[in-house]
Amino acid sequence: MTQASVTVSMPSRGVVLGILQKYGVYIAIVLLLLYNLFFTPNFFAIDNFRTQFVQVVPVLIVALGMALVIGTEGIDLSVGAVMALAAAMIPLYIGYGLVPAVLIAVLAGCVIGVANGAMVALIGVQPIVATLSLMVAGRGIALLIANEQLKSVTDPGVLALGRDSLAGVPYSVIVAIIAVAAVALLVNKTTFGKQLIAIGGSRRAAELAGLPVKRILLLAYVLAAGLAAVAGVIGTARLGASVPSTLGNLIELSAITAVVVGGTPLSGGQVKVIGTVAGALLLQFISATLIKHNVPDAYSQVAQAVIILVAVYIQRGKVFTK
């Protein structure tokens, strides 16, 4: 008489790693929301979620541009300075109307993007060096424009952009939704998106295939800067003031974290738009959770650094290896 044996096979490390790579950010959001459901009073109130969605908008918009740059195996550390520059431009030109002021602010940001892209694509400067130099210079220019002073913005159109809503949806959130849809369309449905991903996968192979590598790189940095400028306008609208000395400080850390956690590898060759949205929401929910439990904001920054390290290790397959 023989006894039947039952073998229970555990998921391999590769399977677990693959699940984390694809769905880790969504699993983290679900777990965090479950925690808040039981341990954070009023977290699921409609007003709280409305506040969270409004607050995440600048990081999300900047992260969308960052995803494009990282998709080319680059990086952009100047996005915070671009936000500050856009904010400094608003009080100067708001007298001409909301639309001209916003367009000029975004155009000023795009100029920084052109400088970044030219150094990277045409001169061959390393992205981290090129954008670091504009990170410093851009904020310096913004402070010079503003005379190193906070300037109130009282234009009703600007204030409405930061505080009003349409059918209950804040205007800033609507702008973010449009930005997400536009970037997703650009990446997934256009030749530009396919070429950008190909360049990130292998720049040398892209050059041999005859792709316009320099032009695509230049456009990627311009788009990243343009989106950062839009975030700067929204930040100014929310504050009701132009504060170039502090607006956008450390937002590059949050943007990079959102992109990497969302599944876009730092090695380039992929751009995960929906993952980037999820990454930005995860960071916002973590910050909100810590605040509601009276944890100092400094811990949120530490958490972001840890999240970056974990995400990078997962992408490279090192989490479960010795």
C-alpha atoms as a PDB file:
ATOM      1  CA  MET A   1       0.000   0.000   0.000  1.00  0.00           C
ATOM      2  CA  THR A   2       1.497   3.297  -1.025  1.00  0.00           C
ATOM      3  CA  GLN A   3       0.921   6.676   0.469  1.00  0.00           C
ATOM      4  CA  ALA A   4       0.270   9.485  -2.000  1.00  0.00           C
ATOM      5  CA  SER A   5       2.540  12.447  -1.564  1.00  0.00           C
ATOM      6  CA  VAL A   6       1.508  15.956  -2.309  1.00  0.00           C
ATOM      7  CA  THR A   7       4.128  18.432  -3.432  1.00  0.00           C
ATOM      8  CA  VAL A   8       3.421  22.096  -2.983  1.00  0.00           C
ATOM      9  CA  SER A   9       5.579  24.164  -5.248  1.00  0.00           C
ATOM     10  CA  MET A  10       6.442  27.669  -4.142  1.00  0.00           C
ATOM     11  CA  PRO A  11       6.678  30.469  -6.701  1.00  0.00           C
ATOM     12  CA  SER A  12      10.211  30.871  -7.963  1.00  0.00           C
ATOM     13  CA  ARG A  13      12.188  33.995  -7.254  1.00  0.00           C
ATOM     14  CA  GLY A  14      11.936  34.924 -10.913  1.00  0.00           C
ATOM     15  CA  VAL A  15       8.151  34.727 -10.833  1.00  0.00           C
ATOM     16  CA  VAL A  16       7.949  36.856  -7.689  1.00  0.00           C
ATOM     17  CA  LEU A  17      10.370  39.355  -9.185  1.00  0.00           C
ATOM     18  CA  GLY A  18       8.339  39.534 -12.381  1.00  0.00           C
ATOM     19  CA  ILE A  19       5.144  40.199 -10.421  1.00  0.00           C
ATOM     20  CA  LEU A  20       6.826  42.966  -8.439  1.00  0.00           C
ATOM     21  CA  GLN A  21       8.240  44.511 -11.590  1.00  0.00           C
ATOM     22  CA  LYS A  22       4.845  44.632 -13.279  1.00  0.00           C
ATOM     23  CA  TYR A  23       2.446  45.183 -10.415  1.00  0.00           C
ATOM     24  CA  GLY A  24       4.518  46.251  -7.403  1.00  0.00           C
ATOM     25  CA  VAL A  25       3.329  49.865  -7.397  1.00  0.00           C
ATOM     26  CA  TYR A  26      -0.327  48.836  -7.616  1.00  0.00           C
ATOM     27  CA  ILE A  27       0.080  46.268  -4.840  1.00  0.00           C
ATOM     28  CA  ALA A  28       1.722  48.939  -2.678  1.00  0.00           C
ATOM     29  CA  ILE A  29      -1.168  51.365  -3.291  1.00  0.00           C
ATOM     30  CA  VAL A  30      -3.756  48.722  -2.368  1.00  0.00           C
ATOM     31  CA  LEU A  31      -1.901  47.774   0.822  1.00  0.00           C
ATOM     32  CA  LEU A  32      -1.494  51.422   1.806  1.00  0.00           C
ATOM     33  CA  LEU A  33      -5.172  52.144   1.197  1.00  0.00           C
ATOM     34  CA  LEU A  34      -6.164  49.096   3.249  1.00  0.00           C
ATOM     35  CA  TYR A  35      -3.978  50.329   6.085  1.00  0.00           C
ATOM     36  CA  ASN A  36      -5.627  53.742   5.965  1.00  0.00           C
ATOM     37  CA  LEU A  37      -9.072  52.196   5.781  1.00  0.00           C
ATOM     38  CA  PHE A  38      -8.565  50.615   9.207  1.00  0.00           C
ATOM     39  CA  PHE A  39      -6.102  52.925  10.933  1.00  0.00           C
ATOM     40  CA  THR A  40      -6.550  56.449   9.529  1.00  0.00           C
ATOM     41  CA  PRO A  41      -9.852  58.161  10.357  1.00  0.00           C
ATOM     42  CA  ASN A  42     -11.563  60.033   7.515  1.00  0.00           C
ATOM     43  CA  PHE A  43      -8.890  59.069   4.985  1.00  0.00           C
ATOM     44  CA  PHE A  44     -11.573  57.844   2.601  1.00  0.00           C
ATOM     45  CA  ALA A  45     -13.618  61.003   2.858  1.00  0.00           C
ATOM     46  CA  ILE A  46     -14.338  62.586  -0.529  1.00  0.00           C
ATOM     47  CA  ASP A  47     -12.826  65.912   0.520  1.00  0.00           C
ATOM     48  CA  ASN A  48      -9.603  64.166   1.544  1.00  0.00           C
ATOM     49  CA  PHE A  49      -9.238  62.397  -1.792  1.00  0.00           C
ATOM     50  CA  ARG A  50      -9.990  65.635  -3.602  1.00  0.00           C
ATOM     51  CA  THR A  51      -7.178  67.274  -1.636  1.00  0.00           C
ATOM     52  CA  GLN A  52      -4.780  64.421  -2.406  1.00  0.00           C
ATOM     53  CA  PHE A  53      -5.494  64.585  -6.139  1.00  0.00           C
ATOM     54  CA  VAL A  54      -4.969  68.355  -6.186  1.00  0.00           C
ATOM     55  CA  GLN A  55      -1.706  68.107  -4.277  1.00  0.00           C
ATOM     56  CA  VAL A  56      -0.265  65.372  -6.491  1.00  0.00           C
ATOM     57  CA  VAL A  57      -0.800  67.333  -9.724  1.00  0.00           C
ATOM     58  CA  PRO A  58       2.570  69.195  -9.887  1.00  0.00           C
ATOM     59  CA  VAL A  59       4.577  66.045  -9.133  1.00  0.00           C
ATOM     60  CA  LEU A  60       2.566  64.017 -11.623  1.00  0.00           C
ATOM     61  CA  ILE A  61       2.968  66.523 -14.455  1.00  0.00           C
ATOM     62  CA  VAL A  62       6.705  66.843 -13.823  1.00  0.00           C
ATOM     63  CA  ALA A  63       7.018  63.051 -13.602  1.00  0.00           C
ATOM     64  CA  LEU A  64       5.412  62.633 -17.034  1.00  0.00           C
ATOM     65  CA  GLY A  65       8.161  64.733 -18.582  1.00  0.00           C
ATOM     66  CA  MET A  66      10.784  62.974 -16.484  1.00  0.00           C
ATOM     67  CA  ALA A  67       9.530  59.623 -17.800  1.00  0.00           C
ATOM     68  CA  LEU A  68      10.194  60.741 -21.368  1.00  0.00           C
ATOM     69  CA  VAL A  69      13.756  61.755 -20.513  1.00  0.00           C
ATOM     70  CA  ILE A  70      14.451  58.614 -18.486  1.00  0.00           C
ATOM     71  CA  GLY A  71      13.056  56.615 -21.397  1.00  0.00           C
ATOM     72  CA  THR A  72      16.039  57.871 -23.426  1.00  0.00           C
ATOM     73  CA  GLU A  73      18.406  56.752 -20.624  1.00  0.00           C
ATOM     74  CA  GLY A  74      18.726  60.349 -19.465  1.00  0.00           C
ATOM     75  CA  ILE A  75      17.789  62.386 -16.414  1.00  0.00           C
ATOM     76  CA  ASP A  76      16.612  65.948 -15.794  1.00  0.00           C
ATOM     77  CA  LEU A  77      17.551  67.592 -12.512  1.00  0.00           C
ATOM     78  CA  SER A  78      16.489  71.064 -13.651  1.00  0.00           C
ATOM     79  CA  VAL A  79      12.719  70.559 -13.471  1.00  0.00           C
ATOM     80  CA  GLY A  80      12.382  72.320 -10.119  1.00  0.00           C
ATOM     81  CA  ALA A  81      14.284  75.319 -11.452  1.00  0.00           C
ATOM     82  CA  VAL A  82      12.020  75.366 -14.510  1.00  0.00           C
ATOM     83  CA  MET A  83       9.006  75.503 -12.211  1.00  0.00           C
ATOM     84  CA  ALA A  84      10.573  78.442 -10.392  1.00  0.00           C
ATOM     85  CA  LEU A  85      11.306  80.227 -13.666  1.00  0.00           C
ATOM     86  CA  ALA A  86       7.726  79.767 -14.873  1.00  0.00           C
ATOM     87  CA  ALA A  87       6.456  81.110 -11.561  1.00  0.00           C
ATOM     88  CA  ALA A  88       8.698  84.172 -11.860  1.00  0.00           C
ATOM     89  CA  MET A  89       7.323  84.936 -15.330  1.00  0.00           C
ATOM     90  CA  ILE A  90       3.642  84.951 -14.336  1.00  0.00           C
ATOM     91  CA  PRO A  91       3.609  88.286 -12.414  1.00  0.00           C
ATOM     92  CA  LEU A  92       5.562  89.981 -15.213  1.00  0.00           C
ATOM     93  CA  TYR A  93       3.082  89.171 -17.966  1.00  0.00           C
ATOM     94  CA  ILE A  94      -0.258  88.581 -16.229  1.00  0.00           C
ATOM     95  CA  GLY A  95      -1.240  92.117 -17.217  1.00  0.00           C
ATOM     96  CA  TYR A  96      -1.550  90.871 -20.811  1.00  0.00           C
ATOM     97  CA  GLY A  97      -4.070  88.227 -19.765  1.00  0.00           C
ATOM     98  CA  LEU A  98      -4.002  84.670 -18.453  1.00  0.00           C
ATOM     99  CA  VAL A  99      -3.324  82.880 -21.748  1.00  0.00           C
ATOM    100  CA  PRO A 100      -0.370  85.071 -22.859  1.00  0.00           C
ATOM    101  CA  ALA A 101       1.169  84.896 -19.369  1.00  0.00           C
ATOM    102  CA  VAL A 102       0.883  81.095 -19.244  1.00  0.00           C
ATOM    103  CA  LEU A 103       2.243  80.697 -22.772  1.00  0.00           C
ATOM    104  CA  ILE A 104       5.240  82.920 -22.003  1.00  0.00           C
ATOM    105  CA  ALA A 105       5.909  81.015 -18.768  1.00  0.00           C
ATOM    106  CA  VAL A 106       5.811  77.667 -20.589  1.00  0.00           C
ATOM    107  CA  LEU A 107       7.952  79.043 -23.399  1.00  0.00           C
ATOM    108  CA  ALA A 108      10.549  80.209 -20.866  1.00  0.00           C
ATOM    109  CA  GLY A 109      10.644  76.678 -19.472  1.00  0.00           C
ATOM    110  CA  CYS A 110      11.051  75.244 -22.959  1.00  0.00           C
ATOM    111  CA  VAL A 111      14.104  77.466 -23.470  1.00  0.00           C
ATOM    112  CA  ILE A 112      15.721  75.679 -20.527  1.00  0.00           C
ATOM    113  CA  GLY A 113      14.743  72.405 -22.167  1.00  0.00           C
ATOM    114  CA  VAL A 114      16.418  73.469 -25.411  1.00  0.00           C
ATOM    115  CA  ALA A 115      19.603  74.257 -23.489  1.00  0.00           C
ATOM    116  CA  ASN A 116      19.486  70.878 -21.731  1.00  0.00           C
ATOM    117  CA  GLY A 117      18.766  69.002 -24.946  1.00  0.00           C
ATOM    118  CA  ALA A 118      21.449  70.847 -26.907  1.00  0.00           C
ATOM    119  CA  MET A 119      24.111  70.011 -24.338  1.00  0.00           C
ATOM    120  CA  VAL A 120      23.080  66.343 -24.214  1.00  0.00           C
ATOM    121  CA  ALA A 121      22.266  65.684 -27.877  1.00  0.00           C
ATOM    122  CA  LEU A 122      24.574  68.033 -29.751  1.00  0.00           C
ATOM    123  CA  ILE A 123      27.570  68.525 -27.475  1.00  0.00           C
ATOM    124  CA  GLY A 124      27.532  65.144 -25.758  1.00  0.00           C
ATOM    125  CA  VAL A 125      27.452  66.354 -22.146  1.00  0.00           C
ATOM    126  CA  GLN A 126      26.256  63.745 -19.664  1.00  0.00           C
ATOM    127  CA  PRO A 127      22.567  64.399 -18.819  1.00  0.00           C
ATOM    128  CA  ILE A 128      23.191  64.602 -15.087  1.00  0.00           C
ATOM    129  CA  VAL A 129      25.902  67.241 -15.610  1.00  0.00           C
ATOM    130  CA  ALA A 130      23.976  69.257 -18.174  1.00  0.00           C
ATOM    131  CA  THR A 131      20.752  69.393 -16.177  1.00  0.00           C
ATOM    132  CA  LEU A 132      22.564  69.983 -12.888  1.00  0.00           C
ATOM    133  CA  SER A 133      24.089  73.135 -14.339  1.00  0.00           C
ATOM    134  CA  LEU A 134      20.643  74.362 -15.451  1.00  0.00           C
ATOM    135  CA  MET A 135      19.217  73.370 -12.086  1.00  0.00           C
ATOM    136  CA  VAL A 136      21.465  75.953 -10.479  1.00  0.00           C
ATOM    137  CA  ALA A 137      21.398  78.561 -13.248  1.00  0.00           C
ATOM    138  CA  GLY A 138      17.650  78.290 -13.854  1.00  0.00           C
ATOM    139  CA  ARG A 139      16.703  79.029 -10.267  1.00  0.00           C
ATOM    140  CA  GLY A 140      19.245  81.824 -10.165  1.00  0.00           C
ATOM    141  CA  ILE A 141      17.644  83.407 -13.234  1.00  0.00           C
ATOM    142  CA  ALA A 142      14.208  83.024 -11.650  1.00  0.00           C
ATOM    143  CA  LEU A 143      15.379  84.783  -8.485  1.00  0.00           C
ATOM    144  CA  LEU A 144      16.893  87.607 -10.524  1.00  0.00           C
ATOM    145  CA  ILE A 145      13.651  88.069 -12.453  1.00  0.00           C
ATOM    146  CA  ALA A 146      11.668  88.184  -9.209  1.00  0.00           C
ATOM    147  CA  ASN A 147      14.255  90.352  -7.427  1.00  0.00           C
ATOM    148  CA  GLU A 148      14.422  87.536  -4.869  1.00  0.00           C
ATOM    149  CA  GLN A 149      10.976  88.522  -3.624  1.00  0.00           C
ATOM    150  CA  LEU A 150       7.643  86.786  -3.178  1.00  0.00           C
ATOM    151  CA  LYS A 151       5.069  88.388  -5.452  1.00  0.00           C
ATOM    152  CA  SER A 152       1.342  88.006  -4.937  1.00  0.00           C
ATOM    153  CA  VAL A 153      -0.792  86.940  -7.896  1.00  0.00           C
ATOM    154  CA  THR A 154      -4.350  88.227  -7.685  1.00  0.00           C
ATOM    155  CA  ASP A 155      -5.552  87.666 -11.242  1.00  0.00           C
ATOM    156  CA  PRO A 156      -8.897  85.803 -11.049  1.00  0.00           C
ATOM    157  CA  GLY A 157      -7.985  83.561 -13.976  1.00  0.00           C
ATOM    158  CA  VAL A 158      -4.779  82.349 -12.337  1.00  0.00           C
ATOM    159  CA  LEU A 159      -6.473  81.815  -8.987  1.00  0.00           C
ATOM    160  CA  ALA A 160      -9.309  79.918 -10.639  1.00  0.00           C
ATOM    161  CA  LEU A 161      -6.803  77.549 -12.252  1.00  0.00           C
ATOM    162  CA  GLY A 162      -5.495  76.615  -8.825  1.00  0.00           C
ATOM    163  CA  ARG A 163      -8.688  76.640  -6.785  1.00  0.00           C
ATOM    164  CA  ASP A 164     -11.846  76.279  -8.885  1.00  0.00           C
ATOM    165  CA  SER A 165     -13.402  73.213 -10.454  1.00  0.00           C
ATOM    166  CA  LEU A 166     -15.595  72.018 -13.307  1.00  0.00           C
ATOM    167  CA  ALA A 167     -18.410  69.632 -12.374  1.00  0.00           C
ATOM    168  CA  GLY A 168     -16.628  69.009  -9.091  1.00  0.00           C
ATOM    169  CA  VAL A 169     -13.271  68.224 -10.712  1.00  0.00           C
ATOM    170  CA  PRO A 170     -10.544  70.818  -9.952  1.00  0.00           C
ATOM    171  CA  TYR A 171      -9.137  72.565 -13.007  1.00  0.00           C
ATOM    172  CA  SER A 172      -5.614  71.510 -12.024  1.00  0.00           C
ATOM    173  CA  VAL A 173      -6.679  67.858 -11.999  1.00  0.00           C
ATOM    174  CA  ILE A 174      -8.260  68.306 -15.432  1.00  0.00           C
ATOM    175  CA  VAL A 175      -4.946  69.711 -16.700  1.00  0.00           C
ATOM    176  CA  ALA A 176      -3.144  66.685 -15.258  1.00  0.00           C
ATOM    177  CA  ILE A 177      -5.586  64.278 -16.924  1.00  0.00           C
ATOM    178  CA  ILE A 178      -5.050  65.993 -20.264  1.00  0.00           C
ATOM    179  CA  ALA A 179      -1.277  65.798 -19.773  1.00  0.00           C
ATOM    180  CA  VAL A 180      -1.447  62.080 -18.962  1.00  0.00           C
ATOM    181  CA  ALA A 181      -3.591  61.382 -22.030  1.00  0.00           C
ATOM    182  CA  ALA A 182      -1.315  63.446 -24.280  1.00  0.00           C
ATOM    183  CA  VAL A 183       1.897  61.771 -23.079  1.00  0.00           C
ATOM    184  CA  ALA A 184       0.325  58.304 -23.295  1.00  0.00           C
ATOM    185  CA  LEU A 185      -0.768  59.027 -26.858  1.00  0.00           C
ATOM    186  CA  LEU A 186       2.662  60.409 -27.710  1.00  0.00           C
ATOM    187  CA  VAL A 187       4.502  57.387 -26.341  1.00  0.00           C
ATOM    188  CA  ASN A 188       2.204  54.632 -27.561  1.00  0.00           C
ATOM    189  CA  LYS A 189       0.716  55.905 -30.812  1.00  0.00           C
ATOM    190  CA  THR A 190       3.289  58.118 -32.521  1.00  0.00           C
ATOM    191  CA  THR A 191       6.523  57.612 -34.392  1.00  0.00           C
ATOM    192  CA  PHE A 192       8.215  59.946 -31.939  1.00  0.00           C
ATOM    193  CA  GLY A 193       7.337  57.638 -29.050  1.00  0.00           C
ATOM    194  CA  LYS A 194       8.592  54.538 -30.810  1.00  0.00           C
ATOM    195  CA  GLN A 195      11.839  56.293 -31.760  1.00  0.00           C
ATOM    196  CA  LEU A 196      12.328  57.599 -28.227  1.00  0.00           C
ATOM    197  CA  ILE A 197      11.997  54.102 -26.787  1.00  0.00           C
ATOM    198  CA  ALA A 198      14.327  52.696 -29.445  1.00  0.00           C
ATOM    199  CA  ILE A 199      16.970  55.305 -28.583  1.00  0.00           C
ATOM    200  CA  GLY A 200      16.696  54.464 -24.901  1.00  0.00           C
ATOM    201  CA  GLY A 201      17.073  50.770 -25.672  1.00  0.00           C
ATOM    202  CA  SER A 202      20.246  51.272 -27.707  1.00  0.00           C
ATOM    203  CA  ARG A 203      21.372  54.646 -28.953  1.00  0.00           C
ATOM    204  CA  ARG A 204      24.045  53.120 -31.159  1.00  0.00           C
ATOM    205  CA  ALA A 205      21.561  50.781 -32.830  1.00  0.00           C
ATOM    206  CA  ALA A 206      19.168  53.689 -33.329  1.00  0.00           C
ATOM    207  CA  GLU A 207      21.897  55.702 -35.026  1.00  0.00           C
ATOM    208  CA  LEU A 208      22.778  52.790 -37.302  1.00  0.00           C
ATOM    209  CA  ALA A 209      19.088  52.427 -38.169  1.00  0.00           C
ATOM    210  CA  GLY A 210      19.035  56.041 -39.319  1.00  0.00           C
ATOM    211  CA  LEU A 211      16.766  57.393 -36.579  1.00  0.00           C
ATOM    212  CA  PRO A 212      16.981  61.150 -35.841  1.00  0.00           C
ATOM    213  CA  VAL A 213      18.607  60.554 -32.465  1.00  0.00           C
ATOM    214  CA  LYS A 214      19.716  64.120 -31.774  1.00  0.00           C
ATOM    215  CA  ARG A 215      16.349  65.600 -32.663  1.00  0.00           C
ATOM    216  CA  ILE A 216      14.447  63.111 -30.504  1.00  0.00           C
ATOM    217  CA  LEU A 217      16.721  63.710 -27.534  1.00  0.00           C
ATOM    218  CA  LEU A 218      16.339  67.455 -27.907  1.00  0.00           C
ATOM    219  CA  LEU A 219      12.551  67.195 -28.082  1.00  0.00           C
ATOM    220  CA  ALA A 220      12.436  64.917 -25.039  1.00  0.00           C
ATOM    221  CA  TYR A 221      14.179  67.523 -22.881  1.00  0.00           C
ATOM    222  CA  VAL A 222      12.037  70.322 -24.292  1.00  0.00           C
ATOM    223  CA  LEU A 223       8.861  68.395 -23.477  1.00  0.00           C
ATOM    224  CA  ALA A 224      10.105  67.637 -19.969  1.00  0.00           C
ATOM    225  CA  ALA A 225      10.840  71.310 -19.365  1.00  0.00           C
ATOM    226  CA  GLY A 226       7.537  72.402 -20.885  1.00  0.00           C
ATOM    227  CA  LEU A 227       5.608  70.078 -18.585  1.00  0.00           C
ATOM    228  CA  ALA A 228       7.631  71.296 -15.600  1.00  0.00           C
ATOM    229  CA  ALA A 229       6.714  74.867 -16.546  1.00  0.00           C
ATOM    230  CA  VAL A 230       3.027  73.894 -16.612  1.00  0.00           C
ATOM    231  CA  ALA A 231       3.487  72.461 -13.116  1.00  0.00           C
ATOM    232  CA  GLY A 232       5.093  75.755 -12.087  1.00  0.00           C
ATOM    233  CA  VAL A 233       2.075  77.699 -13.339  1.00  0.00           C
ATOM    234  CA  ILE A 234      -0.285  75.418 -11.414  1.00  0.00           C
ATOM    235  CA  GLY A 235       1.853  75.690  -8.297  1.00  0.00           C
ATOM    236  CA  THR A 236       1.733  79.477  -8.543  1.00  0.00           C
ATOM    237  CA  ALA A 237      -2.033  79.386  -9.042  1.00  0.00           C
ATOM    238  CA  ARG A 238      -2.510  77.212  -5.965  1.00  0.00           C
ATOM    239  CA  LEU A 239      -0.356  79.443  -3.777  1.00  0.00           C
ATOM    240  CA  GLY A 240      -1.740  82.685  -5.173  1.00  0.00           C
ATOM    241  CA  ALA A 241       1.837  83.922  -5.269  1.00  0.00           C
ATOM    242  CA  SER A 242       5.079  83.575  -7.209  1.00  0.00           C
ATOM    243  CA  VAL A 243       7.697  82.054  -4.896  1.00  0.00           C
ATOM    244  CA  PRO A 244      10.692  81.107  -7.069  1.00  0.00           C
ATOM    245  CA  SER A 245      12.956  80.649  -4.054  1.00  0.00           C
ATOM    246  CA  THR A 246      11.100  77.540  -2.867  1.00  0.00           C
ATOM    247  CA  LEU A 247       8.701  76.399  -5.591  1.00  0.00           C
ATOM    248  CA  GLY A 248       9.815  73.081  -7.021  1.00  0.00           C
ATOM    249  CA  ASN A 249      12.498  72.392  -4.429  1.00  0.00           C
ATOM    250  CA  LEU A 250      13.333  68.654  -4.470  1.00  0.00           C
ATOM    251  CA  ILE A 251      10.497  67.891  -6.884  1.00  0.00           C
ATOM    252  CA  GLU A 252      13.046  66.164  -9.121  1.00  0.00           C
ATOM    253  CA  LEU A 253      13.427  63.528  -6.373  1.00  0.00           C
ATOM    254  CA  SER A 254       9.675  62.950  -6.239  1.00  0.00           C
ATOM    255  CA  ALA A 255       9.402  62.830 -10.035  1.00  0.00           C
ATOM    256  CA  ILE A 256      12.247  60.351 -10.449  1.00  0.00           C
ATOM    257  CA  THR A 257      10.777  58.194  -7.686  1.00  0.00           C
ATOM    258  CA  ALA A 258       7.335  58.183  -9.305  1.00  0.00           C
ATOM    259  CA  VAL A 259       8.811  57.219 -12.675  1.00  0.00           C
ATOM    260  CA  VAL A 260      11.066  54.455 -11.370  1.00  0.00           C
ATOM    261  CA  VAL A 261       8.489  53.000  -8.985  1.00  0.00           C
ATOM    262  CA  GLY A 262       6.006  53.068 -11.857  1.00  0.00           C
ATOM    263  CA  GLY A 263       8.164  50.664 -13.843  1.00  0.00           C
ATOM    264  CA  THR A 264      10.210  52.868 -16.172  1.00  0.00           C
ATOM    265  CA  PRO A 265      13.807  51.644 -15.790  1.00  0.00           C
ATOM    266  CA  LEU A 266      16.657  54.117 -15.367  1.00  0.00           C
ATOM    267  CA  SER A 267      18.449  52.180 -18.098  1.00  0.00           C
ATOM    268  CA  GLY A 268      15.914  53.507 -20.625  1.00  0.00           C
ATOM    269  CA  GLY A 269      14.053  51.776 -23.401  1.00  0.00           C
ATOM    270  CA  GLN A 270      10.618  51.892 -21.748  1.00  0.00           C
ATOM    271  CA  VAL A 271       8.135  54.565 -20.686  1.00  0.00           C
ATOM    272  CA  LYS A 272       5.337  53.471 -18.360  1.00  0.00           C
ATOM    273  CA  VAL A 273       2.830  56.333 -18.355  1.00  0.00           C
ATOM    274  CA  ILE A 274       0.108  54.716 -16.231  1.00  0.00           C
ATOM    275  CA  GLY A 275       2.790  53.333 -13.940  1.00  0.00           C
ATOM    276  CA  THR A 276       4.127  56.862 -13.502  1.00  0.00           C
ATOM    277  CA  VAL A 277       0.645  58.039 -12.502  1.00  0.00           C
ATOM    278  CA  ALA A 278       0.444  55.211  -9.971  1.00  0.00           C
ATOM    279  CA  GLY A 279       3.915  56.037  -8.669  1.00  0.00           C
ATOM    280  CA  ALA A 280       2.983  59.679  -8.100  1.00  0.00           C
ATOM    281  CA  LEU A 281      -0.225  58.650  -6.301  1.00  0.00           C
ATOM    282  CA  LEU A 282       1.708  56.210  -4.123  1.00  0.00           C
ATOM    283  CA  LEU A 283       4.090  58.962  -3.014  1.00  0.00           C
ATOM    284  CA  GLN A 284       1.182  61.300  -2.305  1.00  0.00           C
ATOM    285  CA  PHE A 285      -0.673  58.675  -0.260  1.00  0.00           C
ATOM    286  CA  ILE A 286       2.476  57.872   1.714  1.00  0.00           C
ATOM    287  CA  SER A 287       2.997  61.544   2.489  1.00  0.00           C
ATOM    288  CA  ALA A 288      -0.651  62.014   3.458  1.00  0.00           C
ATOM    289  CA  THR A 289      -0.568  58.937   5.678  1.00  0.00           C
ATOM    290  CA  LEU A 290       2.513  60.137   7.523  1.00  0.00           C
ATOM    291  CA  ILE A 291       1.035  63.607   7.987  1.00  0.00           C
ATOM    292  CA  LYS A 292      -2.246  62.240   9.343  1.00  0.00           C
ATOM    293  CA  HIS A 293      -0.294  60.180  11.847  1.00  0.00           C
ATOM    294  CA  ASN A 294       1.764  63.220  12.901  1.00  0.00           C
ATOM    295  CA  VAL A 295       5.011  61.902  11.452  1.00  0.00           C
ATOM    296  CA  PRO A 296       7.465  64.692  10.466  1.00  0.00           C
ATOM    297  CA  ASP A 297       7.660  65.442   6.743  1.00  0.00           C
ATOM    298  CA  ALA A 298      11.389  64.651   6.736  1.00  0.00           C
ATOM    299  CA  TYR A 299      10.477  60.972   7.044  1.00  0.00           C
ATOM    300  CA  SER A 300       8.572  61.237   3.775  1.00  0.00           C
ATOM    301  CA  GLN A 301      11.772  62.248   2.001  1.00  0.00           C
ATOM    302  CA  VAL A 302      13.617  59.336   3.593  1.00  0.00           C
ATOM    303  CA  ALA A 303      10.818  57.031   2.454  1.00  0.00           C
ATOM    304  CA  GLN A 304      11.183  58.301  -1.113  1.00  0.00           C
ATOM    305  CA  ALA A 305      14.904  57.545  -1.084  1.00  0.00           C
ATOM    306  CA  VAL A 306      14.272  54.021   0.192  1.00  0.00           C
ATOM    307  CA  ILE A 307      11.550  53.489  -2.425  1.00  0.00           C
ATOM    308  CA  ILE A 308      13.965  54.507  -5.195  1.00  0.00           C
ATOM    309  CA  LEU A 309      16.589  52.006  -4.015  1.00  0.00           C
ATOM    310  CA  VAL A 310      14.067  49.177  -3.732  1.00  0.00           C
ATOM    311  CA  ALA A 311      12.563  49.934  -7.140  1.00  0.00           C
ATOM    312  CA  VAL A 312      15.954  50.055  -8.860  1.00  0.00           C
ATOM    313  CA  TYR A 313      17.008  46.755  -7.284  1.00  0.00           C
ATOM    314  CA  ILE A 314      13.757  45.119  -8.346  1.00  0.00           C
ATOM    315  CA  GLN A 315      14.225  46.344 -11.920  1.00  0.00           C
ATOM    316  CA  ARG A 316      17.725  44.930 -12.047  1.00  0.00           C
ATOM    317  CA  GLY A 317      16.736  41.613 -10.534  1.00  0.00           C
ATOM    318  CA  LYS A 318      18.895  41.989  -7.430  1.00  0.00           C
ATOM    319  CA  VAL A 319      16.287  41.938  -4.715  1.00  0.00           C
ATOM    320  CA  PHE A 320      16.295  38.193  -4.278  1.00  0.00           C
ATOM    321  CA  THR A 321      19.898  37.515  -5.192  1.00  0.00           C
ATOM    322  CA  LYS A 322      22.911  37.513  -2.951  1.00  0.00           C
END
